[in-house]
């Protein structure tokens, strides 16, 4: 199934959901574990009807959901890649889940969703990726999983995705690893302001609001991202 563009996802008008990194994310607020579990059962039933299901996490006072298709088609000229991304079936299921949440009297908290990824700068991604695939997931097939690159993604969702940034051979950057935090567009300014108030410094906002690089007092950098 064709992957959707950012514009197509935005035009779908999914009020409860936010596109972060590869998928659609939603958080619904629940009074207790039992009400969360009953909601998840109902979500499973509508997922069964569509033949598609979200990833689910239940915590104290919330249920987190992620929707992504493992068979999305990405076209690079005449070349087709099967990738993990949002497709029409994710949008359709998101709408149904929103309706189920309303039936259960649950409120969404879209501003609170976020996704963490790791970035590692290297000139040899194909060479070092197998080491990181084995170290992070114990599974060599996690290298390039759901991506046309050597990015490492854990099928079980236990660890953040690790992608590899471009680095010239022989170049020695001060910092190779950094974190990327994906947040909804409506909270990005607040998140950056909080980091600055805590002592951080904006060192690069040339691609804002999509990417804003923040440094701590020791010069270590992280990136606040909007999908």
Protein backbone atom coordinates (compact mmCIF):
# COMPACT_ATOMS: atom_id res chain seq x y z
CA UNK A 1 0.00 0.00 0.00
CA UNK A 2 1.27 3.46 -0.88
CA UNK A 3 2.84 5.49 1.93
CA UNK A 4 1.11 8.78 2.68
CA UNK A 5 2.82 12.13 2.45
CA UNK A 6 2.92 14.52 5.37
CA UNK A 7 0.34 16.70 3.65
CA UNK A 8 -2.03 13.77 3.13
CA UNK A 9 -1.73 12.83 6.79
CA UNK A 10 -2.41 16.41 7.89
CA UNK A 11 -5.39 16.71 5.56
CA UNK A 12 -6.89 13.57 7.13
CA UNK A 13 -7.76 15.72 10.16
CA UNK A 14 -6.94 13.16 12.85
CA UNK A 15 -7.56 15.34 15.90
CA UNK A 16 -6.48 12.71 18.45
CA UNK A 17 -3.33 11.62 16.60
CA UNK A 18 0.07 13.06 15.76
CA UNK A 19 2.51 11.89 13.10
CA UNK A 20 5.89 11.43 14.82
CA UNK A 21 8.86 9.66 13.22
CA UNK A 22 7.41 6.74 11.21
CA UNK A 23 3.95 6.37 12.72
CA UNK A 24 0.76 7.88 14.08
CA UNK A 25 0.68 8.26 17.87
CA UNK A 26 -2.15 8.86 20.34
CA UNK A 27 -2.53 8.94 24.11
CA UNK A 28 -5.90 8.40 25.78
CA UNK A 29 -6.46 9.20 29.44
CA UNK A 30 -8.06 6.48 31.59
CA UNK A 31 -9.19 6.36 35.21
CA UNK A 32 -7.65 2.99 36.00
CA UNK A 33 -6.10 -0.12 34.50
CA UNK A 34 -9.45 -1.85 34.05
CA UNK A 35 -10.93 0.93 31.94
CA UNK A 36 -7.74 1.01 29.89
CA UNK A 37 -7.88 -2.74 29.35
CA UNK A 38 -11.53 -2.59 28.26
CA UNK A 39 -10.66 0.16 25.80
CA UNK A 40 -7.81 -1.92 24.37
CA UNK A 41 -10.15 -4.90 23.92
CA UNK A 42 -12.55 -2.67 21.94
CA UNK A 43 -9.65 -1.34 19.87
CA UNK A 44 -8.65 -4.92 19.13
CA UNK A 45 -12.12 -5.67 17.83
CA UNK A 46 -12.13 -2.81 15.34
CA UNK A 47 -8.59 -3.78 14.39
CA UNK A 48 -9.75 -7.33 13.71
CA UNK A 49 -12.43 -5.95 11.39
CA UNK A 50 -9.82 -4.06 9.36
CA UNK A 51 -7.07 -6.66 9.61
CA UNK A 52 -4.69 -4.14 11.15
CA UNK A 53 -3.72 -3.36 14.75
CA UNK A 54 -1.82 -0.72 16.72
CA UNK A 55 1.03 -1.20 19.14
CA UNK A 56 -0.31 -0.62 22.65
CA UNK A 57 1.18 0.41 25.99
CA UNK A 58 -0.87 0.83 29.17
CA UNK A 59 0.47 2.92 32.03
CA UNK A 60 -0.90 4.68 35.08
CA UNK A 61 -3.70 6.87 33.79
CA UNK A 62 -3.11 6.40 30.06
CA UNK A 63 -3.15 4.13 27.03
CA UNK A 64 -0.59 4.86 24.31
CA UNK A 65 -1.19 3.70 20.75
CA UNK A 66 1.00 3.68 17.65
CA UNK A 67 -0.18 2.95 14.13
CA UNK A 68 2.26 2.15 11.35
CA UNK A 69 2.19 -0.15 8.32
CA UNK A 70 5.04 -2.58 7.76
CA UNK A 71 4.24 -2.84 4.04
CA UNK A 72 4.15 0.82 2.97
CA UNK A 73 5.58 1.43 -0.50
CA UNK A 74 8.15 4.18 -0.94
CA UNK A 75 9.11 5.08 -4.51
CA UNK A 76 12.57 6.44 -5.26
CA UNK A 77 12.30 7.11 -8.97
CA UNK A 78 11.77 3.75 -10.63
CA UNK A 79 12.81 1.86 -7.48
CA UNK A 80 10.25 0.68 -4.95
CA UNK A 81 11.07 0.10 -1.28
CA UNK A 82 8.84 -1.57 1.30
CA UNK A 83 9.13 0.53 4.45
CA UNK A 84 7.46 1.13 7.81
CA UNK A 85 5.31 4.22 7.38
CA UNK A 86 1.76 5.54 7.55
CA UNK A 87 -0.70 4.31 4.93
CA UNK A 88 -4.40 4.74 4.33
CA UNK A 89 -5.22 1.75 6.54
CA UNK A 90 -3.55 3.49 9.49
CA UNK A 91 -5.66 6.60 8.91
CA UNK A 92 -8.83 4.52 8.64
CA UNK A 93 -8.09 2.64 11.85
CA UNK A 94 -7.13 5.86 13.66
CA UNK A 95 -10.57 7.29 12.87
CA UNK A 96 -12.27 4.17 14.20
CA UNK A 97 -10.20 4.19 17.37
CA UNK A 98 -11.15 7.83 17.95
CA UNK A 99 -14.80 6.79 17.72
CA UNK A 100 -14.22 3.91 20.15
CA UNK A 101 -12.55 6.28 22.62
CA UNK A 102 -15.57 8.59 22.44
CA UNK A 103 -17.87 5.65 23.14
CA UNK A 104 -15.79 4.86 26.23
CA UNK A 105 -15.83 8.48 27.36
CA UNK A 106 -12.05 8.85 27.04
CA UNK A 107 -10.20 12.07 26.28
CA UNK A 108 -7.13 12.22 24.06
CA UNK A 109 -3.97 14.05 25.12
CA UNK A 110 -2.20 14.56 21.78
CA UNK A 111 0.24 17.17 23.12
CA UNK A 112 1.85 14.59 25.42
CA UNK A 113 2.97 12.05 22.80
CA UNK A 114 6.65 11.86 21.89
CA UNK A 115 9.15 9.53 20.23
CA UNK A 116 12.85 9.11 21.01
CA UNK A 117 15.41 8.06 18.39
CA UNK A 118 19.20 7.80 18.46
CA UNK A 119 21.58 9.18 15.86
CA UNK A 120 25.18 8.04 15.29
CA UNK A 121 27.43 9.93 12.88
CA UNK A 122 29.63 7.64 10.78
CA UNK A 123 31.22 7.35 7.36
CA UNK A 124 30.69 3.57 7.36
CA UNK A 125 27.06 2.80 8.28
CA UNK A 126 26.95 -0.55 6.45
CA UNK A 127 30.10 -1.67 8.25
CA UNK A 128 29.12 -0.80 11.79
CA UNK A 129 25.36 -1.38 11.61
CA UNK A 130 25.61 -5.17 12.19
CA UNK A 131 27.41 -4.55 15.47
CA UNK A 132 24.70 -2.20 16.68
CA UNK A 133 21.94 -4.48 15.44
CA UNK A 134 23.40 -7.33 17.48
CA UNK A 135 24.10 -5.14 20.51
CA UNK A 136 20.72 -3.42 20.67
CA UNK A 137 18.38 -6.19 19.54
CA UNK A 138 20.31 -9.45 19.26
CA UNK A 139 18.91 -9.87 15.76
CA UNK A 140 20.86 -9.17 12.57
CA UNK A 141 17.62 -8.65 10.62
CA UNK A 142 16.96 -5.45 12.58
CA UNK A 143 19.55 -3.76 10.33
CA UNK A 144 17.57 -2.03 7.58
CA UNK A 145 14.25 -3.28 8.96
CA UNK A 146 11.45 -1.14 7.53
CA UNK A 147 13.92 1.28 5.96
CA UNK A 148 15.95 1.50 2.73
CA UNK A 149 18.93 2.56 4.87
CA UNK A 150 21.04 0.64 7.41
CA UNK A 151 18.98 2.05 10.28
CA UNK A 152 18.54 -0.37 13.19
CA UNK A 153 14.96 -0.95 14.31
CA UNK A 154 13.87 -3.42 16.94
CA UNK A 155 10.81 -5.45 15.92
CA UNK A 156 9.81 -5.73 19.58
CA UNK A 157 9.98 -2.00 20.21
CA UNK A 158 12.27 -2.48 23.22
CA UNK A 159 14.89 0.11 22.22
CA UNK A 160 14.80 3.37 20.25
CA UNK A 161 15.56 3.30 16.54
CA UNK A 162 19.21 3.98 15.70
CA UNK A 163 19.93 5.78 12.46
CA UNK A 164 23.29 6.76 10.99
CA UNK A 165 24.19 10.32 10.05
CA UNK A 166 26.60 11.29 7.27
CA UNK A 167 30.24 11.78 8.20
CA UNK A 168 33.23 12.18 5.89
CA UNK A 169 35.90 9.48 6.08
CA UNK A 170 38.59 10.59 8.51
CA UNK A 171 36.45 13.32 10.05
CA UNK A 172 36.48 13.21 13.85
CA UNK A 173 33.47 14.99 15.34
CA UNK A 174 33.45 15.95 19.01
CA UNK A 175 30.18 14.10 19.52
CA UNK A 176 29.09 11.07 17.51
CA UNK A 177 25.92 10.06 19.36
CA UNK A 178 22.93 12.31 19.89
CA UNK A 179 19.26 11.89 20.74
CA UNK A 180 16.33 13.09 18.66
CA UNK A 181 13.06 13.80 20.43
CA UNK A 182 9.96 13.98 18.22
CA UNK A 183 7.14 16.09 19.66
CA UNK A 184 3.85 17.47 18.30
CA UNK A 185 4.05 20.81 16.51
CA UNK A 186 1.92 22.52 19.15
CA UNK A 187 4.43 21.84 21.93
CA UNK A 188 7.79 22.28 20.18
CA UNK A 189 8.27 25.90 21.29
CA UNK A 190 7.39 24.98 24.85
CA UNK A 191 9.82 22.05 24.84
CA UNK A 192 12.66 24.19 23.49
CA UNK A 193 11.90 26.95 26.01
CA UNK A 194 12.01 24.41 28.84
CA UNK A 195 15.43 23.16 27.70
CA UNK A 196 16.75 26.71 27.45
CA UNK A 197 15.33 27.61 30.85
CA UNK A 198 17.17 24.60 32.29
CA UNK A 199 20.48 25.95 30.97
CA UNK A 200 20.51 24.70 27.39
CA UNK A 201 21.39 26.75 24.32
CA UNK A 202 19.90 26.75 20.84
CA UNK A 203 22.88 26.18 18.55
CA UNK A 204 21.08 25.63 15.24
CA UNK A 205 17.50 26.54 14.37
CA UNK A 206 18.06 26.96 10.62
CA UNK A 207 15.64 24.08 9.95
CA UNK A 208 13.11 25.02 12.63
CA UNK A 209 10.46 24.02 13.42
CA UNK A 210 11.33 20.67 11.82
CA UNK A 211 14.71 20.43 13.58
CA UNK A 212 16.17 22.50 16.40
CA UNK A 213 19.57 21.59 17.88
CA UNK A 214 19.98 22.16 21.62
CA UNK A 215 23.30 22.00 23.51
CA UNK A 216 23.75 21.42 27.21
CA UNK A 217 26.33 23.25 29.34
CA UNK A 218 29.04 20.77 28.30
CA UNK A 219 28.27 21.22 24.61
CA UNK A 220 26.50 17.88 24.12
CA UNK A 221 23.71 18.26 21.58
CA UNK A 222 20.24 16.84 21.07
CA UNK A 223 17.61 17.61 18.50
CA UNK A 224 13.96 18.55 18.99
CA UNK A 225 12.06 17.32 15.94
CA UNK A 226 8.61 17.89 14.47
CA UNK A 227 7.50 15.30 11.93
